[in-house]
Each structure stands twice: as C-alpha cells, then as structure tokens.
C-alpha atoms as a PDB file:
ATOM      1  CA  MET A   1      11.469  -1.581  13.476  1.00  0.00           C
ATOM      2  CA  GLU A   2      10.273   1.692  14.911  1.00  0.00           C
ATOM      3  CA  CYS A   3       8.555   4.887  13.890  1.00  0.00           C
ATOM      4  CA  THR A   4       7.713   8.176  15.634  1.00  0.00           C
ATOM      5  CA  VAL A   5       4.538   9.965  14.566  1.00  0.00           C
ATOM      6  CA  SER A   6       4.084  13.585  15.650  1.00  0.00           C
ATOM      7  CA  TRP A   7       1.047  15.810  15.336  1.00  0.00           C
ATOM      8  CA  THR A   8       1.856  19.070  13.554  1.00  0.00           C
ATOM      9  CA  GLY A   9      -1.471  20.767  14.312  1.00  0.00           C
ATOM     10  CA  ASN A  10      -0.260  22.847  17.213  1.00  0.00           C
ATOM     11  CA  SER A  11       2.939  24.000  15.513  1.00  0.00           C
ATOM     12  CA  GLY A  12       1.411  26.645  13.248  1.00  0.00           C
ATOM     13  CA  THR A  13       1.048  24.425  10.164  1.00  0.00           C
ATOM     14  CA  ARG A  14      -1.833  24.869   7.721  1.00  0.00           C
ATOM     15  CA  SER A  15      -3.629  21.665   8.690  1.00  0.00           C
ATOM     16  CA  GLY A  16      -5.047  21.047  12.127  1.00  0.00           C
ATOM     17  CA  MET A  17      -4.845  17.273  11.592  1.00  0.00           C
ATOM     18  CA  GLY A  18      -1.436  16.874  10.008  1.00  0.00           C
ATOM     19  CA  PHE A  19       1.147  14.352  11.197  1.00  0.00           C
ATOM     20  CA  ILE A  20       4.776  13.649  10.392  1.00  0.00           C
ATOM     21  CA  ALA A  21       6.142  10.113  10.698  1.00  0.00           C
ATOM     22  CA  GLU A  22       9.867   9.591  11.075  1.00  0.00           C
ATOM     23  CA  THR A  23      10.851   6.018  10.416  1.00  0.00           C
ATOM     24  CA  GLY A  24      13.589   4.125  12.174  1.00  0.00           C
ATOM     25  CA  SER A  25      15.610   4.282   8.959  1.00  0.00           C
ATOM     26  CA  GLY A  26      15.501   8.085   9.120  1.00  0.00           C
ATOM     27  CA  HIS A  27      12.894   8.835   6.455  1.00  0.00           C
ATOM     28  CA  VAL A  28      10.033  11.284   6.881  1.00  0.00           C
ATOM     29  CA  VAL A  29       6.457  10.851   5.630  1.00  0.00           C
ATOM     30  CA  ALA A  30       3.712  13.470   5.926  1.00  0.00           C
ATOM     31  CA  MET A  31       0.083  12.518   6.569  1.00  0.00           C
ATOM     32  CA  ASP A  32      -3.081  14.584   6.765  1.00  0.00           C
ATOM     33  CA  GLY A  33      -6.713  14.003   7.596  1.00  0.00           C
ATOM     34  CA  ALA A  34      -9.651  14.507   5.307  1.00  0.00           C
ATOM     35  CA  PRO A  35     -11.391  17.887   5.485  1.00  0.00           C
ATOM     36  CA  ASP A  36     -14.414  17.973   7.811  1.00  0.00           C
ATOM     37  CA  ALA A  37     -17.039  20.385   6.495  1.00  0.00           C
ATOM     38  CA  ALA A  38     -19.150  20.128   9.672  1.00  0.00           C
ATOM     39  CA  LYS A  39     -16.245  20.842  12.041  1.00  0.00           C
ATOM     40  CA  PRO A  40     -13.283  22.226  10.063  1.00  0.00           C
ATOM     41  CA  GLU A  41     -11.121  22.349  13.194  1.00  0.00           C
ATOM     42  CA  ASN A  42     -11.375  18.552  13.435  1.00  0.00           C
ATOM     43  CA  GLY A  43     -10.368  17.887   9.850  1.00  0.00           C
ATOM     44  CA  GLY A  44      -7.305  18.118   7.714  1.00  0.00           C
ATOM     45  CA  GLN A  45      -6.714  20.093   4.556  1.00  0.00           C
ATOM     46  CA  ASN A  46      -5.873  17.281   2.164  1.00  0.00           C
ATOM     47  CA  LEU A  47      -2.184  18.259   2.117  1.00  0.00           C
ATOM     48  CA  ALA A  48      -0.803  14.712   2.288  1.00  0.00           C
ATOM     49  CA  PRO A  49      -1.957  11.088   2.068  1.00  0.00           C
ATOM     50  CA  ARG A  50      -4.290   9.692   4.724  1.00  0.00           C
ATOM     51  CA  PRO A  51      -2.789   7.117   7.085  1.00  0.00           C
ATOM     52  CA  MET A  52      -4.966   4.336   5.629  1.00  0.00           C
ATOM     53  CA  GLU A  53      -3.819   5.261   2.117  1.00  0.00           C
ATOM     54  CA  LEU A  54      -0.238   4.821   3.280  1.00  0.00           C
ATOM     55  CA  LEU A  55      -1.162   1.428   4.708  1.00  0.00           C
ATOM     56  CA  LEU A  56      -2.385   0.371   1.248  1.00  0.00           C
ATOM     57  CA  ALA A  57       0.668   1.919  -0.412  1.00  0.00           C
ATOM     58  CA  GLY A  58       2.981   0.054   1.941  1.00  0.00           C
ATOM     59  CA  THR A  59       1.163  -3.184   1.225  1.00  0.00           C
ATOM     60  CA  GLY A  60       1.487  -2.577  -2.507  1.00  0.00           C
ATOM     61  CA  GLY A  61       5.193  -1.899  -2.115  1.00  0.00           C
ATOM     62  CA  CYS A  62       5.654  -5.026  -0.019  1.00  0.00           C
ATOM     63  CA  THR A  63       3.948  -7.363  -2.480  1.00  0.00           C
ATOM     64  CA  ALA A  64       5.397  -5.741  -5.634  1.00  0.00           C
ATOM     65  CA  TYR A  65       8.879  -6.077  -4.107  1.00  0.00           C
ATOM     66  CA  ASP A  66       8.229  -9.792  -3.546  1.00  0.00           C
ATOM     67  CA  VAL A  67       6.905 -10.345  -7.069  1.00  0.00           C
ATOM     68  CA  VAL A  68       9.883  -8.638  -8.709  1.00  0.00           C
ATOM     69  CA  LEU A  69      12.390 -10.450  -6.494  1.00  0.00           C
ATOM     70  CA  ILE A  70      10.787 -13.872  -7.083  1.00  0.00           C
ATOM     71  CA  LEU A  71      10.720 -13.293 -10.854  1.00  0.00           C
ATOM     72  CA  LYS A  72      14.330 -12.073 -10.893  1.00  0.00           C
ATOM     73  CA  ARG A  73      15.463 -15.062  -8.835  1.00  0.00           C
ATOM     74  CA  GLY A  74      13.702 -17.254 -11.387  1.00  0.00           C
ATOM     75  CA  ARG A  75      15.879 -15.555 -14.028  1.00  0.00           C
ATOM     76  CA  HIS A  76      12.925 -14.032 -15.817  1.00  0.00           C
ATOM     77  CA  ASN A  77      13.504 -10.838 -17.781  1.00  0.00           C
ATOM     78  CA  VAL A  78      11.154  -8.623 -15.784  1.00  0.00           C
ATOM     79  CA  GLN A  79      11.452  -4.930 -16.692  1.00  0.00           C
ATOM     80  CA  GLY A  80       8.594  -3.399 -14.732  1.00  0.00           C
ATOM     81  CA  CYS A  81       5.952  -4.148 -12.140  1.00  0.00           C
ATOM     82  CA  SER A  82       3.086  -2.062 -10.802  1.00  0.00           C
ATOM     83  CA  VAL A  83       0.111  -2.949  -8.666  1.00  0.00           C
ATOM     84  CA  LYS A  84      -3.176  -1.037  -8.606  1.00  0.00           C
ATOM     85  CA  ILE A  85      -5.017  -1.555  -5.350  1.00  0.00           C
ATOM     86  CA  ILE A  86      -8.730  -0.939  -4.952  1.00  0.00           C
ATOM     87  CA  SER A  87     -10.229  -1.396  -1.505  1.00  0.00           C
ATOM     88  CA  GLU A  88     -13.456  -1.238   0.434  1.00  0.00           C
ATOM     89  CA  ARG A  89     -13.733  -0.396   4.107  1.00  0.00           C
ATOM     90  CA  ALA A  90     -16.278  -1.131   6.803  1.00  0.00           C
ATOM     91  CA  ILE A  91     -18.944   1.549   7.195  1.00  0.00           C
ATOM     92  CA  GLU A  92     -18.726   1.646  10.987  1.00  0.00           C
ATOM     93  CA  ASP A  93     -15.751   2.050  13.286  1.00  0.00           C
ATOM     94  CA  PRO A  94     -13.292   0.493  13.216  1.00  0.00           C
ATOM     95  CA  LYS A  95     -13.318   1.105   9.476  1.00  0.00           C
ATOM     96  CA  VAL A  96     -11.064  -1.810   8.609  1.00  0.00           C
ATOM     97  CA  PHE A  97     -10.474  -2.910   5.052  1.00  0.00           C
ATOM     98  CA  THR A  98     -13.050  -5.535   4.095  1.00  0.00           C
ATOM     99  CA  LYS A  99     -12.137  -6.094   0.429  1.00  0.00           C
ATOM    100  CA  ILE A 100      -8.891  -5.476  -1.396  1.00  0.00           C
ATOM    101  CA  ASN A 101      -8.166  -6.191  -5.056  1.00  0.00           C
ATOM    102  CA  MET A 102      -4.593  -6.026  -6.292  1.00  0.00           C
ATOM    103  CA  HIS A 103      -4.110  -5.886 -10.056  1.00  0.00           C
ATOM    104  CA  PHE A 104      -0.494  -6.383 -11.104  1.00  0.00           C
ATOM    105  CA  THR A 105       0.960  -5.247 -14.409  1.00  0.00           C
ATOM    106  CA  VAL A 106       4.249  -7.009 -15.134  1.00  0.00           C
ATOM    107  CA  THR A 107       6.362  -5.850 -18.050  1.00  0.00           C
ATOM    108  CA  GLY A 108       9.172  -7.879 -19.525  1.00  0.00           C
ATOM    109  CA  GLN A 109      10.450 -10.152 -22.246  1.00  0.00           C
ATOM    110  CA  GLY A 110       9.248 -13.728 -22.333  1.00  0.00           C
ATOM    111  CA  VAL A 111       7.998 -13.770 -18.745  1.00  0.00           C
ATOM    112  CA  PRO A 112       5.648 -16.769 -18.456  1.00  0.00           C
ATOM    113  CA  ALA A 113       2.197 -16.100 -17.020  1.00  0.00           C
ATOM    114  CA  VAL A 114       2.573 -19.145 -14.760  1.00  0.00           C
ATOM    115  CA  ALA A 115       5.695 -17.561 -13.202  1.00  0.00           C
ATOM    116  CA  VAL A 116       3.833 -14.312 -12.470  1.00  0.00           C
ATOM    117  CA  GLU A 117       0.884 -16.216 -11.007  1.00  0.00           C
ATOM    118  CA  ARG A 118       3.267 -18.221  -8.806  1.00  0.00           C
ATOM    119  CA  ALA A 119       5.170 -15.098  -7.669  1.00  0.00           C
ATOM    120  CA  ILE A 120       1.934 -13.348  -6.663  1.00  0.00           C
ATOM    121  CA  ALA A 121       0.717 -16.435  -4.798  1.00  0.00           C
ATOM    122  CA  MET A 122       4.037 -16.819  -2.976  1.00  0.00           C
ATOM    123  CA  SER A 123       3.954 -13.183  -1.939  1.00  0.00           C
ATOM    124  CA  HIS A 124       0.415 -13.406  -0.594  1.00  0.00           C
ATOM    125  CA  ASP A 125       0.745 -16.828   1.004  1.00  0.00           C
ATOM    126  CA  LYS A 126       4.240 -16.635   2.472  1.00  0.00           C
ATOM    127  CA  TYR A 127       6.305 -13.470   2.159  1.00  0.00           C
ATOM    128  CA  CYS A 128       4.300 -10.219   2.235  1.00  0.00           C
ATOM    129  CA  SER A 129       3.697  -9.541   5.904  1.00  0.00           C
ATOM    130  CA  ALA A 130       1.474  -6.557   5.110  1.00  0.00           C
ATOM    131  CA  SER A 131      -0.976  -8.385   2.831  1.00  0.00           C
ATOM    132  CA  ILE A 132      -1.026 -11.425   5.094  1.00  0.00           C
ATOM    133  CA  MET A 133      -1.881  -9.158   8.030  1.00  0.00           C
ATOM    134  CA  LEU A 134      -4.604  -7.307   6.085  1.00  0.00           C
ATOM    135  CA  GLY A 135      -5.973 -10.666   4.975  1.00  0.00           C
ATOM    136  CA  LYS A 136      -7.137 -11.182   8.574  1.00  0.00           C
ATOM    137  CA  THR A 137      -9.903  -8.602   8.044  1.00  0.00           C
ATOM    138  CA  ALA A 138     -10.187  -8.264   4.275  1.00  0.00           C
ATOM    139  CA  GLU A 139     -10.951 -10.573   1.402  1.00  0.00           C
ATOM    140  CA  ILE A 140      -7.933 -10.110  -0.865  1.00  0.00           C
ATOM    141  CA  THR A 141      -8.176 -10.911  -4.551  1.00  0.00           C
ATOM    142  CA  THR A 142      -5.470 -10.620  -7.184  1.00  0.00           C
ATOM    143  CA  SER A 143      -5.268 -10.403 -10.937  1.00  0.00           C
ATOM    144  CA  PHE A 144      -2.493  -9.612 -13.370  1.00  0.00           C
ATOM    145  CA  GLU A 145      -1.613  -8.755 -16.906  1.00  0.00           C
ATOM    146  CA  LEU A 146       1.634  -9.256 -18.776  1.00  0.00           C
ATOM    147  CA  VAL A 147       3.004  -6.621 -21.115  1.00  0.00           C
ATOM    148  CA  GLU A 148       5.589  -7.924 -23.569  1.00  0.00           C
ATOM    149  CA  ILE A 149       8.275  -5.443 -24.586  1.00  0.00           C
END
C-alpha cells in the first residue's frame, strides 16, 4: 500500500496548509489545516477534512466494513450500518487519540443483537487493523443499536 501526499500551499491555492493525498489505488483526497487566528499564514482555511479526521473516518470505514461482512457471511439480513465515532485527544503533542467511542447503528430484518455484538468484537479484536492500531494509544469503547425494518 502506498500514498503520496503533496502540499498545495505554494501552488496558488486558497489555503496555505492544504494537502492532496493520492492513494496507490489512484484516488485523491484533499486535506486542510485548521485556521490559525494568531498566525493566519500557518493555518488552513477549513476547506477540507483535517488529517486526524480522516484517520477516524478510515477507522470507521474499516470496522463498519468488517461488521457488515461478518453479518452477511452469517446470512443475516443486514440492510444498513453506520458508526458514529466520538474521540478525545491528548492536550499536549503528540496529540494522539486517548479515548474513542464507536456507536454502531445496524438496520435490518431479524438481525440478532448477539450477532451484532459478536461482529463488532471480531472486528475490534481480530480484523480491523485501524482500530487495533489506535487501541495502542486510545481506550476504545463500542455500543450499538438495532433498527428493525
């Protein structure tokens, strides 16, 4: 896996702290820094997600993918899955994630709660590389709700 991240700040773009990531699979993702009121030239303009937001988004995608796949392999009629992630970061540098809560909403017909609980546990204990990696610095908690359709 590879990725090239390039600073766009010196190419005449609006943000002095913008970056473009091109993934090995050929996709492009924009990132920007937070505005800095004290030194505007050192801040972004809030034109795209922050890199740490994308790290959380990627982790959410990784674990939601696992949960859906595990439920589908178990022949459960899962129709939807979302995960809301709320995090806390260290106050001082490096501002690593210290707490992460992932709340899953699984929609389907007759999906047993025990199957959802098992799928989430399997993702976090075995399959989701991103959450397992973040678990080295952060306390990760999970919860879920089932929506019957």
